[in-house]
C-alpha atoms as a PDB file:
ATOM      1  CA  MET A   1     -30.038   9.103   3.322  1.00  0.00           C
ATOM      2  CA  ALA A   2     -27.330   6.935   4.906  1.00  0.00           C
ATOM      3  CA  ASN A   3     -24.434   8.468   6.777  1.00  0.00           C
ATOM      4  CA  SER A   4     -21.067   8.235   5.120  1.00  0.00           C
ATOM      5  CA  GLU A   5     -17.549   8.182   6.461  1.00  0.00           C
ATOM      6  CA  GLN A   6     -14.248   8.836   4.735  1.00  0.00           C
ATOM      7  CA  PHE A   7     -11.369   6.394   4.988  1.00  0.00           C
ATOM      8  CA  CYS A   8      -7.683   6.710   4.202  1.00  0.00           C
ATOM      9  CA  THR A   9      -6.940   3.453   2.405  1.00  0.00           C
ATOM     10  CA  PHE A  10      -3.798   1.370   2.045  1.00  0.00           C
ATOM     11  CA  PHE A  11      -2.645  -2.089   1.054  1.00  0.00           C
ATOM     12  CA  LEU A  12      -0.939  -4.839   3.037  1.00  0.00           C
ATOM     13  CA  ASP A  13      -0.021  -8.093   1.304  1.00  0.00           C
ATOM     14  CA  GLY A  14      -2.713  -7.459  -1.307  1.00  0.00           C
ATOM     15  CA  HIS A  15      -5.446  -6.759   1.259  1.00  0.00           C
ATOM     16  CA  PHE A  16      -7.317  -3.425   1.121  1.00  0.00           C
ATOM     17  CA  PHE A  17      -7.507  -1.615   4.479  1.00  0.00           C
ATOM     18  CA  GLY A  18      -8.829   1.678   5.726  1.00  0.00           C
ATOM     19  CA  ILE A  19      -8.814   3.896   8.778  1.00  0.00           C
ATOM     20  CA  PRO A  20     -11.028   6.912   9.414  1.00  0.00           C
ATOM     21  CA  VAL A  21      -9.456   9.888   7.653  1.00  0.00           C
ATOM     22  CA  GLN A  22      -9.941  12.170  10.679  1.00  0.00           C
ATOM     23  CA  ARG A  23      -7.406  10.036  12.596  1.00  0.00           C
ATOM     24  CA  VAL A  24      -4.716  10.516   9.911  1.00  0.00           C
ATOM     25  CA  GLN A  25      -2.165  13.284  10.437  1.00  0.00           C
ATOM     26  CA  GLU A  26      -0.240  12.680   7.208  1.00  0.00           C
ATOM     27  CA  VAL A  27       1.076  10.090   4.788  1.00  0.00           C
ATOM     28  CA  ILE A  28       4.814  10.054   4.055  1.00  0.00           C
ATOM     29  CA  ARG A  29       7.366   7.979   2.189  1.00  0.00           C
ATOM     30  CA  TYR A  30       9.725   5.606   3.963  1.00  0.00           C
ATOM     31  CA  GLN A  31      11.790   7.179   6.729  1.00  0.00           C
ATOM     32  CA  GLU A  32      14.949   5.762   8.287  1.00  0.00           C
ATOM     33  CA  MET A  33      14.154   4.185  11.655  1.00  0.00           C
ATOM     34  CA  THR A  34      16.154   3.938  14.827  1.00  0.00           C
ATOM     35  CA  PRO A  35      15.721   0.445  16.314  1.00  0.00           C
ATOM     36  CA  VAL A  36      14.689   0.340  19.955  1.00  0.00           C
ATOM     37  CA  PRO A  37      15.379  -2.490  22.422  1.00  0.00           C
ATOM     38  CA  LEU A  38      12.800  -3.754  24.922  1.00  0.00           C
ATOM     39  CA  VAL A  39       9.704  -2.927  22.863  1.00  0.00           C
ATOM     40  CA  PRO A  40       7.181  -5.317  21.278  1.00  0.00           C
ATOM     41  CA  ASP A  41       8.290  -6.966  18.008  1.00  0.00           C
ATOM     42  CA  VAL A  42       5.648  -5.046  16.048  1.00  0.00           C
ATOM     43  CA  VAL A  43       7.472  -1.791  16.827  1.00  0.00           C
ATOM     44  CA  ARG A  44      10.102  -1.460  14.086  1.00  0.00           C
ATOM     45  CA  GLY A  45      11.693   1.666  15.532  1.00  0.00           C
ATOM     46  CA  LEU A  46      11.395   5.401  15.860  1.00  0.00           C
ATOM     47  CA  ILE A  47      11.321   8.003  13.129  1.00  0.00           C
ATOM     48  CA  ASN A  48      12.095  11.692  13.387  1.00  0.00           C
ATOM     49  CA  LEU A  49       9.229  13.612  11.835  1.00  0.00           C
ATOM     50  CA  ARG A  50      10.366  17.250  11.737  1.00  0.00           C
ATOM     51  CA  GLY A  51      11.704  17.015  15.280  1.00  0.00           C
ATOM     52  CA  GLN A  52       8.843  14.895  16.621  1.00  0.00           C
ATOM     53  CA  ILE A  53       9.802  11.344  17.670  1.00  0.00           C
ATOM     54  CA  VAL A  54       7.213   8.923  16.269  1.00  0.00           C
ATOM     55  CA  THR A  55       6.891   5.195  16.967  1.00  0.00           C
ATOM     56  CA  ALA A  56       6.737   3.092  13.767  1.00  0.00           C
ATOM     57  CA  VAL A  57       4.419   0.073  14.024  1.00  0.00           C
ATOM     58  CA  ASP A  58       4.602  -2.611  11.326  1.00  0.00           C
ATOM     59  CA  LEU A  59       1.014  -3.540  10.477  1.00  0.00           C
ATOM     60  CA  ARG A  60       2.162  -6.673   8.630  1.00  0.00           C
ATOM     61  CA  SER A  61       3.577  -7.971  11.897  1.00  0.00           C
ATOM     62  CA  CYS A  62       0.463  -6.936  13.880  1.00  0.00           C
ATOM     63  CA  LEU A  63      -1.794  -8.784  11.478  1.00  0.00           C
ATOM     64  CA  GLY A  64       0.330 -11.920  11.195  1.00  0.00           C
ATOM     65  CA  LEU A  65       1.120 -11.303   7.529  1.00  0.00           C
ATOM     66  CA  PRO A  66       4.432 -12.333   5.942  1.00  0.00           C
ATOM     67  CA  GLU A  67       7.312  -9.866   6.100  1.00  0.00           C
ATOM     68  CA  ARG A  68       8.073  -7.618   3.149  1.00  0.00           C
ATOM     69  CA  ARG A  69      10.584  -8.912   0.654  1.00  0.00           C
ATOM     70  CA  ALA A  70      14.122  -7.588   0.921  1.00  0.00           C
ATOM     71  CA  GLY A  71      14.362  -4.148  -0.625  1.00  0.00           C
ATOM     72  CA  GLU A  72      10.633  -3.373  -0.364  1.00  0.00           C
ATOM     73  CA  LEU A  73      10.288  -0.220   1.706  1.00  0.00           C
ATOM     74  CA  PRO A  74       7.071   0.574   3.562  1.00  0.00           C
ATOM     75  CA  MET A  75       5.131   3.832   3.516  1.00  0.00           C
ATOM     76  CA  ASN A  76       4.100   5.651   6.705  1.00  0.00           C
ATOM     77  CA  VAL A  77       0.523   6.495   7.641  1.00  0.00           C
ATOM     78  CA  VAL A  78       0.966   8.812  10.619  1.00  0.00           C
ATOM     79  CA  ILE A  79      -2.059   8.829  12.887  1.00  0.00           C
ATOM     80  CA  ARG A  80      -3.021  10.960  15.859  1.00  0.00           C
ATOM     81  CA  THR A  81      -3.534   9.260  19.218  1.00  0.00           C
ATOM     82  CA  ASP A  82      -4.107  10.570  22.728  1.00  0.00           C
ATOM     83  CA  ASP A  83      -0.412   9.845  23.417  1.00  0.00           C
ATOM     84  CA  GLY A  84       0.869  11.600  20.274  1.00  0.00           C
ATOM     85  CA  ALA A  85       1.606  10.552  16.722  1.00  0.00           C
ATOM     86  CA  VAL A  86       2.211   6.924  15.705  1.00  0.00           C
ATOM     87  CA  SER A  87       3.243   5.705  12.259  1.00  0.00           C
ATOM     88  CA  PHE A  88       1.661   2.625  10.730  1.00  0.00           C
ATOM     89  CA  LEU A  89       3.988   0.983   8.202  1.00  0.00           C
ATOM     90  CA  VAL A  90       2.027  -0.108   5.120  1.00  0.00           C
ATOM     91  CA  ASP A  91       2.908  -1.506   1.686  1.00  0.00           C
ATOM     92  CA  GLU A  92       1.156   1.018  -0.518  1.00  0.00           C
ATOM     93  CA  ILE A  93      -1.117   4.011  -0.050  1.00  0.00           C
ATOM     94  CA  GLY A  94      -4.563   4.028  -1.637  1.00  0.00           C
ATOM     95  CA  ASP A  95      -7.069   6.851  -1.975  1.00  0.00           C
ATOM     96  CA  VAL A  96      -9.396   8.587   0.424  1.00  0.00           C
ATOM     97  CA  ILE A  97     -12.812   7.074  -0.174  1.00  0.00           C
ATOM     98  CA  ALA A  98     -16.285   7.643   1.230  1.00  0.00           C
ATOM     99  CA  VAL A  99     -18.381   4.670   2.318  1.00  0.00           C
ATOM    100  CA  THR A 100     -21.922   4.481   3.655  1.00  0.00           C
ATOM    101  CA  ASP A 101     -23.012   2.893   6.899  1.00  0.00           C
ATOM    102  CA  GLU A 102     -25.258   0.587   4.839  1.00  0.00           C
ATOM    103  CA  ALA A 103     -22.159  -1.095   3.369  1.00  0.00           C
ATOM    104  CA  HIS A 104     -20.688  -1.893   6.834  1.00  0.00           C
ATOM    105  CA  GLU A 105     -20.713  -5.476   8.098  1.00  0.00           C
ATOM    106  CA  LYS A 106     -18.983  -7.536  10.754  1.00  0.00           C
ATOM    107  CA  PRO A 107     -15.785  -9.257   9.602  1.00  0.00           C
ATOM    108  CA  PRO A 108     -16.680 -12.436   7.710  1.00  0.00           C
ATOM    109  CA  GLU A 109     -16.160 -15.737   9.480  1.00  0.00           C
ATOM    110  CA  ASN A 110     -13.867 -16.942   6.697  1.00  0.00           C
ATOM    111  CA  LEU A 111     -11.425 -14.051   7.099  1.00  0.00           C
ATOM    112  CA  GLN A 112      -8.125 -15.923   6.942  1.00  0.00           C
ATOM    113  CA  GLY A 113      -4.486 -14.927   7.223  1.00  0.00           C
ATOM    114  CA  ILE A 114      -5.323 -11.770   9.100  1.00  0.00           C
ATOM    115  CA  SER A 115      -5.735 -11.405  12.814  1.00  0.00           C
ATOM    116  CA  ARG A 116      -9.529 -11.137  12.960  1.00  0.00           C
ATOM    117  CA  SER A 117      -9.414  -9.195  16.225  1.00  0.00           C
ATOM    118  CA  MET A 118      -7.606  -6.326  14.462  1.00  0.00           C
ATOM    119  CA  ILE A 119     -10.486  -5.802  12.018  1.00  0.00           C
ATOM    120  CA  HIS A 120     -13.328  -3.583  13.237  1.00  0.00           C
ATOM    121  CA  GLY A 121     -15.544  -4.383  10.272  1.00  0.00           C
ATOM    122  CA  VAL A 122     -15.718  -4.562   6.505  1.00  0.00           C
ATOM    123  CA  TYR A 123     -17.324  -2.455   3.814  1.00  0.00           C
ATOM    124  CA  LYS A 124     -18.553  -4.118   0.638  1.00  0.00           C
ATOM    125  CA  LEU A 125     -17.334  -2.082  -2.306  1.00  0.00           C
ATOM    126  CA  SER A 126     -17.572  -2.694  -6.007  1.00  0.00           C
ATOM    127  CA  GLY A 127     -15.289  -5.675  -6.638  1.00  0.00           C
ATOM    128  CA  ARG A 128     -13.583  -5.833  -3.231  1.00  0.00           C
ATOM    129  CA  LEU A 129     -13.838  -5.524   0.534  1.00  0.00           C
ATOM    130  CA  LEU A 130     -12.459  -2.644   2.575  1.00  0.00           C
ATOM    131  CA  LEU A 131     -11.176  -3.965   5.905  1.00  0.00           C
ATOM    132  CA  GLU A 132     -11.569  -1.341   8.637  1.00  0.00           C
ATOM    133  CA  LEU A 133      -8.554  -1.533  10.923  1.00  0.00           C
ATOM    134  CA  ASP A 134      -9.245  -1.348  14.665  1.00  0.00           C
ATOM    135  CA  ILE A 135      -6.718   1.338  15.621  1.00  0.00           C
ATOM    136  CA  ALA A 136      -7.189   0.903  19.379  1.00  0.00           C
ATOM    137  CA  ARG A 137      -6.488  -2.832  19.121  1.00  0.00           C
ATOM    138  CA  VAL A 138      -3.349  -2.268  17.040  1.00  0.00           C
ATOM    139  CA  LEU A 139      -2.080   0.304  19.544  1.00  0.00           C
ATOM    140  CA  SER A 140      -2.729  -2.063  22.456  1.00  0.00           C
ATOM    141  CA  VAL A 141      -0.662  -4.781  20.762  1.00  0.00           C
ATOM    142  CA  ALA A 142       2.103  -2.290  19.974  1.00  0.00           C
ATOM    143  CA  ASP A 143       1.908  -0.837  23.503  1.00  0.00           C
ATOM    144  CA  THR A 144       2.669   2.724  22.414  1.00  0.00           C
ATOM    145  CA  SER A 145       1.739   3.991  25.860  1.00  0.00           C
ATOM    146  CA  GLU A 146       3.784   6.619  27.657  1.00  0.00           C
ATOM    147  CA  PRO A 147       5.984   4.156  29.658  1.00  0.00           C
ATOM    148  CA  ALA A 148       6.941   2.346  26.442  1.00  0.00           C
ATOM    149  CA  ARG A 149       7.729   5.685  24.778  1.00  0.00           C
ATOM    150  CA  GLU A 150       9.939   6.707  27.723  1.00  0.00           C
ATOM    151  CA  ILE A 151      11.966   3.492  27.335  1.00  0.00           C
ATOM    152  CA  ALA A 152      12.210   4.065  23.596  1.00  0.00           C
ATOM    153  CA  ASN A 153      13.254   7.718  23.949  1.00  0.00           C
ATOM    154  CA  ALA A 154      15.878   6.804  26.543  1.00  0.00           C
ATOM    155  CA  ALA A 155      17.393   4.401  24.024  1.00  0.00           C
ATOM    156  CA  LEU A 156      18.012   7.177  21.479  1.00  0.00           C
END
Protein backbone atom coordinates (compact mmCIF):
# COMPACT_ATOMS: atom_id res chain seq x y z
CA MET A 1 0.00 0.00 0.00
CA ALA A 2 1.33 3.45 -0.93
CA ASN A 3 2.06 6.05 1.70
CA SER A 4 -0.27 9.00 1.82
CA GLU A 5 0.16 12.56 2.98
CA GLN A 6 -2.41 15.18 3.89
CA PHE A 7 -2.32 18.65 2.37
CA CYS A 8 -4.02 21.89 3.32
CA THR A 9 -5.17 23.23 -0.03
CA PHE A 10 -5.81 26.73 -1.33
CA PHE A 11 -6.26 28.65 -4.55
CA LEU A 12 -4.18 31.40 -6.15
CA ASP A 13 -5.32 32.91 -9.44
CA GLY A 14 -7.28 29.75 -10.22
CA HIS A 15 -4.35 27.41 -9.50
CA PHE A 16 -4.77 24.66 -6.88
CA PHE A 17 -1.96 24.53 -4.31
CA GLY A 18 -1.19 22.54 -1.21
CA ILE A 19 1.20 22.43 1.71
CA PRO A 20 1.67 19.57 4.17
CA VAL A 21 -1.03 19.89 6.82
CA GLN A 22 1.44 19.28 9.67
CA ARG A 23 3.11 22.62 8.82
CA VAL A 24 -0.18 24.55 9.16
CA GLN A 25 -0.91 26.24 12.48
CA GLU A 26 -4.29 27.67 11.48
CA VAL A 27 -6.32 29.25 8.71
CA ILE A 28 -7.91 32.65 9.36
CA ARG A 29 -9.82 35.34 7.51
CA TYR A 30 -8.19 38.55 6.36
CA GLN A 31 -6.42 40.51 9.08
CA GLU A 32 -5.40 44.16 8.95
CA MET A 33 -1.67 44.45 8.23
CA THR A 34 0.90 46.95 9.36
CA PRO A 35 3.18 47.82 6.42
CA VAL A 36 6.89 47.50 7.09
CA PRO A 37 9.69 49.40 5.31
CA LEU A 38 12.95 47.77 4.21
CA VAL A 39 11.57 44.26 3.68
CA PRO A 40 11.20 42.31 0.41
CA ASP A 41 8.21 43.27 -1.77
CA VAL A 42 6.57 39.89 -1.16
CA VAL A 43 6.15 40.79 2.52
CA ARG A 44 2.85 42.70 2.69
CA GLY A 45 3.14 43.53 6.38
CA LEU A 46 2.70 42.22 9.88
CA ILE A 47 -0.44 40.93 11.52
CA ASN A 48 -1.20 40.63 15.21
CA LEU A 49 -2.40 37.10 15.88
CA ARG A 50 -3.58 37.10 19.51
CA GLY A 51 -0.50 39.03 20.60
CA GLN A 52 1.93 37.19 18.32
CA ILE A 53 3.47 39.30 15.53
CA VAL A 54 3.31 37.33 12.28
CA THR A 55 4.87 38.23 8.92
CA ALA A 56 2.35 38.15 6.04
CA VAL A 57 3.82 36.90 2.75
CA ASP A 58 1.82 37.39 -0.45
CA LEU A 59 2.09 34.13 -2.41
CA ARG A 60 0.76 35.81 -5.56
CA SER A 61 3.79 38.08 -5.53
CA CYS A 62 6.19 35.19 -4.75
CA LEU A 63 4.87 33.19 -7.67
CA GLY A 64 4.79 36.05 -10.17
CA LEU A 65 1.00 35.99 -10.43
CA PRO A 66 -1.07 39.13 -11.04
CA GLU A 67 -2.16 41.15 -8.02
CA ARG A 68 -5.63 40.71 -6.57
CA ARG A 69 -8.31 43.02 -7.87
CA ALA A 70 -9.20 46.01 -5.73
CA GLY A 71 -11.48 44.97 -2.90
CA GLU A 72 -10.51 41.28 -2.99
CA LEU A 73 -9.17 40.39 0.44
CA PRO A 74 -6.82 37.45 0.93
CA MET A 75 -7.11 34.67 3.49
CA ASN A 76 -4.25 33.72 5.83
CA VAL A 77 -2.70 30.26 6.03
CA VAL A 78 -0.50 30.52 9.12
CA ILE A 79 2.37 28.05 9.05
CA ARG A 80 4.93 27.04 11.63
CA THR A 81 8.61 27.62 10.86
CA ASP A 82 11.77 27.31 12.92
CA ASP A 83 11.70 31.11 13.32
CA GLY A 84 8.03 31.27 14.38
CA ALA A 85 4.73 31.66 12.59
CA VAL A 86 4.42 33.11 9.07
CA SER A 87 1.19 33.85 7.22
CA PHE A 88 0.81 32.99 3.55
CA LEU A 89 -1.78 35.23 1.87
CA VAL A 90 -3.98 33.17 -0.47
CA ASP A 91 -7.13 33.82 -2.51
CA GLU A 92 -9.35 31.06 -1.19
CA ILE A 93 -9.02 28.12 1.18
CA GLY A 94 -9.69 24.60 -0.06
CA ASP A 95 -10.04 21.37 1.88
CA VAL A 96 -7.59 19.08 3.61
CA ILE A 97 -7.00 16.20 1.22
CA ALA A 98 -4.96 13.01 1.32
CA VAL A 99 -2.77 12.09 -1.64
CA THR A 100 -0.62 9.04 -2.28
CA ASP A 101 3.06 9.03 -3.12
CA GLU A 102 2.17 7.24 -6.37
CA ALA A 103 0.41 10.39 -7.61
CA HIS A 104 3.50 12.60 -7.04
CA GLU A 105 5.50 13.84 -10.03
CA LYS A 106 8.05 16.52 -10.79
CA PRO A 107 6.57 19.84 -11.96
CA PRO A 108 5.70 19.60 -15.65
CA GLU A 109 7.98 21.35 -18.11
CA ASN A 110 5.07 23.38 -19.46
CA LEU A 111 4.22 24.91 -16.08
CA GLN A 112 3.69 28.53 -17.08
CA GLY A 113 2.86 31.72 -15.22
CA ILE A 114 4.14 30.33 -11.95
CA SER A 115 7.66 30.47 -10.68
CA ARG A 116 8.65 26.85 -11.29
CA SER A 117 11.28 26.95 -8.54
CA MET A 118 8.55 27.52 -5.94
CA ILE A 119 6.81 24.23 -6.81
CA HIS A 120 8.16 21.12 -5.08
CA GLY A 121 6.07 18.76 -7.18
CA VAL A 122 2.59 18.00 -8.43
CA TYR A 123 -0.03 15.42 -7.60
CA LYS A 124 -2.37 14.20 -10.33
CA LEU A 125 -5.90 14.25 -8.96
CA SER A 126 -9.20 13.57 -10.62
CA GLY A 127 -9.69 16.48 -13.03
CA ARG A 128 -6.84 18.71 -11.82
CA LEU A 129 -3.29 19.03 -10.55
CA LEU A 130 -2.34 19.84 -6.97
CA LEU A 131 0.80 22.00 -6.97
CA GLU A 132 2.89 21.34 -3.86
CA LEU A 133 4.37 24.62 -2.68
CA ASP A 134 8.03 24.56 -1.63
CA ILE A 135 7.73 26.32 1.73
CA ALA A 136 11.49 26.65 2.26
CA ARG A 137 11.90 28.35 -1.12
CA VAL A 138 9.06 30.78 -0.43
CA LEU A 139 10.55 31.66 2.96
CA SER A 140 13.98 32.23 1.42
CA VAL A 141 12.49 34.68 -1.09
CA ALA A 142 10.52 36.42 1.66
CA ASP A 143 13.58 36.42 3.95
CA THR A 144 11.58 35.91 7.14
CA SER A 145 14.78 35.26 9.06
CA GLU A 146 15.41 36.73 12.49
CA PRO A 147 17.31 39.86 11.28
CA ALA A 148 14.45 40.73 8.92
CA ARG A 149 11.94 40.22 11.76
CA GLU A 150 13.97 42.51 14.05
CA ILE A 151 13.83 45.28 11.43
CA ALA A 152 10.11 44.71 10.98
CA ASN A 153 9.38 44.69 14.73
CA ALA A 154 11.40 47.87 15.22
CA ALA A 155 9.19 49.56 12.64
CA LEU A 156 6.02 48.90 14.66
